[in-house]
Structure formats: C-alpha cells, structure tokens
Amino acid sequence: MELVIVNQAHDHSVYRYKKDYQTILERTCTVLNRPGDWTLSVIFVTPEEIHEINRSYRHVDRATDVISFALQDDMSDAFGEEDEYELGDIFINVQAIRDQAAEYGHSQRREACFLFCHGLLHLMGYDHMTPEDEKEMFHLQDVILDEVVHR
C-alpha cells in the first residue's frame, strides 16, 4: 500500500498523521473486505486553496474541510497494472483540522484522522447524499476510527 503525502500548505505538523493514515487505510480495507495494493495521495492545503478547488470542481464558492477525487467511478474497474488499486486524491484543509477539533471538542489528531477516513470512504465509493447513505458512511467511519484514535 502506498500513501503519498503532499504538503502544499507548508505545515510541518501534518507529517505526524502519516502512520495513522496508513493504519486507517489498512483497517478500512479489512472492514470493507477490500484487500489489495492500494495507492492514493493526501494533499494538505490552505483554506484558500481548498476554496478554489471547491469553486472550480464542485461550483461551491466556499472553503471546505476535505475533498476527494476518485480515479475510478466504478470500483469494480479500480485495478491498474499488476493488480494495484489507484484510488485518487484526498485534499485536506489544514486550518479545518484545528478549527473543527476545537469546535467538536476532540483532538486535532482525531479530526485529521476523521477527515482522512471520510475522504477515503468517498474514494471507495461511499457517499452521504441520502439519510441512509449518511448513516452507513458515518457508522463505517466510527468503526474504522474508534480502533485507531480516541474521540
């Protein structure tokens, strides 16, 4: 499994999450029963950068906390060469980690892990457009995260 970290925000604190992200990736594959050689990138960005991404690609004119871009719309076709799964990219707003951790009363580590897990589930085909889908996705997030980092 390859997890590439890109620090466009120039915030050195983000590197502390790589081990947690690797654990979350492995745990997600176990929980979802999706073994394989997964590859994805996590790009840490500023609020301004994620605002521009959100405006350009989603036509939403505001900053957000996390945005995922899946390379495959259909996970049944996610194999690349040599049975590697190329998932896509997760963009995480570094300021949202701090702000939302304070707002929700948990650690920045928990928030950073939540945002990664949320983005990862989107890359694996999950969404929260309906109440049923939201319930399923948020349940999976809890199942995956509660074994990795305390609330």
C-alpha atoms as a PDB file:
ATOM      1  CA  MET A   1       0.000   0.000   0.000  1.00  0.00           C
ATOM      2  CA  GLU A   2       1.325   3.374  -0.950  1.00  0.00           C
ATOM      3  CA  LEU A   3       0.215   6.565   0.730  1.00  0.00           C
ATOM      4  CA  VAL A   4       1.767   9.699  -0.748  1.00  0.00           C
ATOM      5  CA  ILE A   5       1.716  12.853   1.389  1.00  0.00           C
ATOM      6  CA  VAL A   6       1.933  16.230  -0.362  1.00  0.00           C
ATOM      7  CA  ASN A   7       2.246  19.249   1.910  1.00  0.00           C
ATOM      8  CA  GLN A   8       1.140  22.206  -0.218  1.00  0.00           C
ATOM      9  CA  ALA A   9       0.180  24.087   2.966  1.00  0.00           C
ATOM     10  CA  HIS A  10       3.793  24.040   4.202  1.00  0.00           C
ATOM     11  CA  ASP A  11       2.545  22.984   7.636  1.00  0.00           C
ATOM     12  CA  HIS A  12       5.071  20.547   9.075  1.00  0.00           C
ATOM     13  CA  SER A  13       2.634  19.276  11.710  1.00  0.00           C
ATOM     14  CA  VAL A  14       0.808  17.223   9.055  1.00  0.00           C
ATOM     15  CA  TYR A  15       3.567  14.635   8.788  1.00  0.00           C
ATOM     16  CA  ARG A  16       2.661  13.281  12.217  1.00  0.00           C
ATOM     17  CA  TYR A  17      -0.533  11.797  10.731  1.00  0.00           C
ATOM     18  CA  LYS A  18       1.085   9.539   8.111  1.00  0.00           C
ATOM     19  CA  LYS A  19       1.314   6.493  10.390  1.00  0.00           C
ATOM     20  CA  ASP A  20      -2.326   6.948  11.480  1.00  0.00           C
ATOM     21  CA  TYR A  21      -3.400   7.307   7.855  1.00  0.00           C
ATOM     22  CA  GLN A  22      -1.590   4.117   6.920  1.00  0.00           C
ATOM     23  CA  THR A  23      -3.338   2.309   9.792  1.00  0.00           C
ATOM     24  CA  ILE A  24      -6.714   3.739   8.729  1.00  0.00           C
ATOM     25  CA  LEU A  25      -6.112   2.642   5.133  1.00  0.00           C
ATOM     26  CA  GLU A  26      -5.276  -0.895   6.239  1.00  0.00           C
ATOM     27  CA  ARG A  27      -8.193  -1.026   8.677  1.00  0.00           C
ATOM     28  CA  THR A  28     -10.601   0.282   6.038  1.00  0.00           C
ATOM     29  CA  CYS A  29      -9.520  -2.450   3.633  1.00  0.00           C
ATOM     30  CA  THR A  30     -10.119  -5.028   6.363  1.00  0.00           C
ATOM     31  CA  VAL A  31     -13.514  -3.646   7.452  1.00  0.00           C
ATOM     32  CA  LEU A  32     -14.725  -3.337   3.849  1.00  0.00           C
ATOM     33  CA  ASN A  33     -13.104  -6.648   2.835  1.00  0.00           C
ATOM     34  CA  ARG A  34     -11.155  -4.989   0.034  1.00  0.00           C
ATOM     35  CA  PRO A  35      -7.675  -6.484   0.070  1.00  0.00           C
ATOM     36  CA  GLY A  36      -5.176  -5.209  -2.430  1.00  0.00           C
ATOM     37  CA  ASP A  37      -2.286  -2.923  -3.106  1.00  0.00           C
ATOM     38  CA  TRP A  38      -3.938   0.486  -2.719  1.00  0.00           C
ATOM     39  CA  THR A  39      -2.313   3.735  -3.830  1.00  0.00           C
ATOM     40  CA  LEU A  40      -3.585   7.213  -3.003  1.00  0.00           C
ATOM     41  CA  SER A  41      -2.382  10.718  -2.302  1.00  0.00           C
ATOM     42  CA  VAL A  42      -3.220  13.048   0.573  1.00  0.00           C
ATOM     43  CA  ILE A  43      -2.644  16.690  -0.250  1.00  0.00           C
ATOM     44  CA  PHE A  44      -2.681  19.155   2.645  1.00  0.00           C
ATOM     45  CA  VAL A  45      -3.813  22.599   1.517  1.00  0.00           C
ATOM     46  CA  THR A  46      -4.686  26.017   2.901  1.00  0.00           C
ATOM     47  CA  PRO A  47      -8.266  27.271   3.231  1.00  0.00           C
ATOM     48  CA  GLU A  48      -7.700  29.456   0.171  1.00  0.00           C
ATOM     49  CA  GLU A  49      -6.518  26.522  -1.931  1.00  0.00           C
ATOM     50  CA  ILE A  50      -9.417  24.270  -0.980  1.00  0.00           C
ATOM     51  CA  HIS A  51     -11.834  27.152  -1.577  1.00  0.00           C
ATOM     52  CA  GLU A  52     -10.525  27.443  -5.131  1.00  0.00           C
ATOM     53  CA  ILE A  53     -10.727  23.669  -5.657  1.00  0.00           C
ATOM     54  CA  ASN A  54     -14.283  23.627  -4.303  1.00  0.00           C
ATOM     55  CA  ARG A  55     -15.289  26.531  -6.564  1.00  0.00           C
ATOM     56  CA  SER A  56     -13.614  25.106  -9.665  1.00  0.00           C
ATOM     57  CA  TYR A  57     -14.710  21.481  -9.404  1.00  0.00           C
ATOM     58  CA  ARG A  58     -17.866  21.498  -7.304  1.00  0.00           C
ATOM     59  CA  HIS A  59     -19.117  25.021  -8.094  1.00  0.00           C
ATOM     60  CA  VAL A  60     -19.398  25.754  -4.369  1.00  0.00           C
ATOM     61  CA  ASP A  61     -17.914  29.150  -3.534  1.00  0.00           C
ATOM     62  CA  ARG A  62     -16.533  28.498  -0.057  1.00  0.00           C
ATOM     63  CA  ALA A  63     -13.771  26.637   1.702  1.00  0.00           C
ATOM     64  CA  THR A  64     -14.472  23.123   2.931  1.00  0.00           C
ATOM     65  CA  ASP A  65     -12.636  20.640   5.128  1.00  0.00           C
ATOM     66  CA  VAL A  66     -11.962  17.731   2.754  1.00  0.00           C
ATOM     67  CA  ILE A  67     -12.475  16.959  -0.935  1.00  0.00           C
ATOM     68  CA  SER A  68     -11.828  13.627  -2.632  1.00  0.00           C
ATOM     69  CA  PHE A  69     -11.198  12.959  -6.296  1.00  0.00           C
ATOM     70  CA  ALA A  70     -11.586   9.297  -7.183  1.00  0.00           C
ATOM     71  CA  LEU A  71      -9.735   7.981 -10.196  1.00  0.00           C
ATOM     72  CA  GLN A  72     -12.451   5.370 -10.697  1.00  0.00           C
ATOM     73  CA  ASP A  73     -16.169   5.983 -10.609  1.00  0.00           C
ATOM     74  CA  ASP A  74     -16.778   2.236 -10.628  1.00  0.00           C
ATOM     75  CA  MET A  75     -14.691   0.383  -8.016  1.00  0.00           C
ATOM     76  CA  SER A  76     -15.024  -2.870  -9.961  1.00  0.00           C
ATOM     77  CA  ASP A  77     -12.661  -1.291 -12.512  1.00  0.00           C
ATOM     78  CA  ALA A  78     -10.126   0.048  -9.979  1.00  0.00           C
ATOM     79  CA  PHE A  79      -7.316  -2.336 -10.910  1.00  0.00           C
ATOM     80  CA  GLY A  80      -4.297  -0.884 -12.611  1.00  0.00           C
ATOM     81  CA  GLU A  81      -1.200  -2.684 -13.715  1.00  0.00           C
ATOM     82  CA  GLU A  82      -0.058  -5.631 -11.596  1.00  0.00           C
ATOM     83  CA  ASP A  83      -3.252  -5.664  -9.501  1.00  0.00           C
ATOM     84  CA  GLU A  84      -2.654  -2.236  -7.985  1.00  0.00           C
ATOM     85  CA  TYR A  85      -5.669  -0.172  -6.998  1.00  0.00           C
ATOM     86  CA  GLU A  86      -5.283   3.516  -7.798  1.00  0.00           C
ATOM     87  CA  LEU A  87      -7.834   5.294  -5.657  1.00  0.00           C
ATOM     88  CA  GLY A  88      -7.208   9.002  -6.243  1.00  0.00           C
ATOM     89  CA  ASP A  89      -6.530  12.095  -4.151  1.00  0.00           C
ATOM     90  CA  ILE A  90      -7.778  13.455  -0.847  1.00  0.00           C
ATOM     91  CA  PHE A  91      -7.338  17.195  -0.243  1.00  0.00           C
ATOM     92  CA  ILE A  92      -7.421  18.200   3.436  1.00  0.00           C
ATOM     93  CA  ASN A  93      -7.701  21.780   4.682  1.00  0.00           C
ATOM     94  CA  VAL A  94      -5.074  22.169   7.436  1.00  0.00           C
ATOM     95  CA  GLN A  95      -6.951  25.007   9.129  1.00  0.00           C
ATOM     96  CA  ALA A  96     -10.135  22.912   9.271  1.00  0.00           C
ATOM     97  CA  ILE A  97      -8.237  20.305  11.301  1.00  0.00           C
ATOM     98  CA  ARG A  98      -7.553  22.882  14.020  1.00  0.00           C
ATOM     99  CA  ASP A  99     -10.890  24.685  13.843  1.00  0.00           C
ATOM    100  CA  GLN A 100     -13.112  21.600  13.800  1.00  0.00           C
ATOM    101  CA  ALA A 101     -11.155  19.844  16.536  1.00  0.00           C
ATOM    102  CA  ALA A 102     -11.832  22.842  18.785  1.00  0.00           C
ATOM    103  CA  GLU A 103     -15.469  23.058  17.651  1.00  0.00           C
ATOM    104  CA  TYR A 104     -16.175  19.365  18.259  1.00  0.00           C
ATOM    105  CA  GLY A 105     -14.119  19.121  21.442  1.00  0.00           C
ATOM    106  CA  HIS A 106     -11.686  16.438  20.377  1.00  0.00           C
ATOM    107  CA  SER A 107      -8.010  16.304  19.446  1.00  0.00           C
ATOM    108  CA  GLN A 108      -6.525  17.576  16.210  1.00  0.00           C
ATOM    109  CA  ARG A 109      -5.308  14.035  15.654  1.00  0.00           C
ATOM    110  CA  ARG A 110      -8.891  12.722  15.790  1.00  0.00           C
ATOM    111  CA  GLU A 111     -10.066  15.414  13.380  1.00  0.00           C
ATOM    112  CA  ALA A 112      -7.202  14.810  10.941  1.00  0.00           C
ATOM    113  CA  CYS A 113      -7.961  11.073  11.049  1.00  0.00           C
ATOM    114  CA  PHE A 114     -11.691  11.672  10.620  1.00  0.00           C
ATOM    115  CA  LEU A 115     -11.131  13.861   7.553  1.00  0.00           C
ATOM    116  CA  PHE A 116      -8.804  11.277   6.009  1.00  0.00           C
ATOM    117  CA  CYS A 117     -11.210   8.408   6.721  1.00  0.00           C
ATOM    118  CA  HIS A 118     -14.128  10.417   5.325  1.00  0.00           C
ATOM    119  CA  GLY A 119     -12.194  11.169   2.152  1.00  0.00           C
ATOM    120  CA  LEU A 120     -11.010   7.573   1.847  1.00  0.00           C
ATOM    121  CA  LEU A 121     -14.555   6.226   2.060  1.00  0.00           C
ATOM    122  CA  HIS A 122     -15.547   8.630  -0.723  1.00  0.00           C
ATOM    123  CA  LEU A 123     -12.693   7.254  -2.843  1.00  0.00           C
ATOM    124  CA  MET A 124     -14.024   3.757  -2.192  1.00  0.00           C
ATOM    125  CA  GLY A 125     -17.472   4.673  -3.452  1.00  0.00           C
ATOM    126  CA  TYR A 126     -19.339   5.739  -0.313  1.00  0.00           C
ATOM    127  CA  ASP A 127     -21.377   8.921  -0.097  1.00  0.00           C
ATOM    128  CA  HIS A 128     -23.843  10.697   2.180  1.00  0.00           C
ATOM    129  CA  MET A 129     -26.371  12.140  -0.243  1.00  0.00           C
ATOM    130  CA  THR A 130     -29.316  10.324   1.345  1.00  0.00           C
ATOM    131  CA  PRO A 131     -30.050   9.781   5.061  1.00  0.00           C
ATOM    132  CA  GLU A 132     -29.493   6.034   4.629  1.00  0.00           C
ATOM    133  CA  ASP A 133     -26.148   6.523   2.887  1.00  0.00           C
ATOM    134  CA  GLU A 134     -25.075   9.064   5.506  1.00  0.00           C
ATOM    135  CA  LYS A 135     -25.953   6.674   8.320  1.00  0.00           C
ATOM    136  CA  GLU A 136     -23.953   3.869   6.699  1.00  0.00           C
ATOM    137  CA  MET A 137     -20.933   6.056   5.948  1.00  0.00           C
ATOM    138  CA  PHE A 138     -20.773   7.640   9.385  1.00  0.00           C
ATOM    139  CA  HIS A 139     -21.164   4.231  11.039  1.00  0.00           C
ATOM    140  CA  LEU A 140     -18.220   2.927   8.998  1.00  0.00           C
ATOM    141  CA  GLN A 141     -16.153   5.959   9.994  1.00  0.00           C
ATOM    142  CA  ASP A 142     -16.788   5.207  13.670  1.00  0.00           C
ATOM    143  CA  VAL A 143     -15.991   1.504  13.258  1.00  0.00           C
ATOM    144  CA  ILE A 144     -12.729   2.308  11.495  1.00  0.00           C
ATOM    145  CA  LEU A 145     -11.609   5.274  13.606  1.00  0.00           C
ATOM    146  CA  ASP A 146     -12.528   4.105  17.094  1.00  0.00           C
ATOM    147  CA  GLU A 147      -9.850   1.407  16.840  1.00  0.00           C
ATOM    148  CA  VAL A 148      -7.216   3.949  15.777  1.00  0.00           C
ATOM    149  CA  VAL A 149      -7.771   7.173  17.727  1.00  0.00           C
ATOM    150  CA  HIS A 150      -9.961   8.056  20.706  1.00  0.00           C
ATOM    151  CA  ARG A 151     -12.752  10.594  20.456  1.00  0.00           C
END
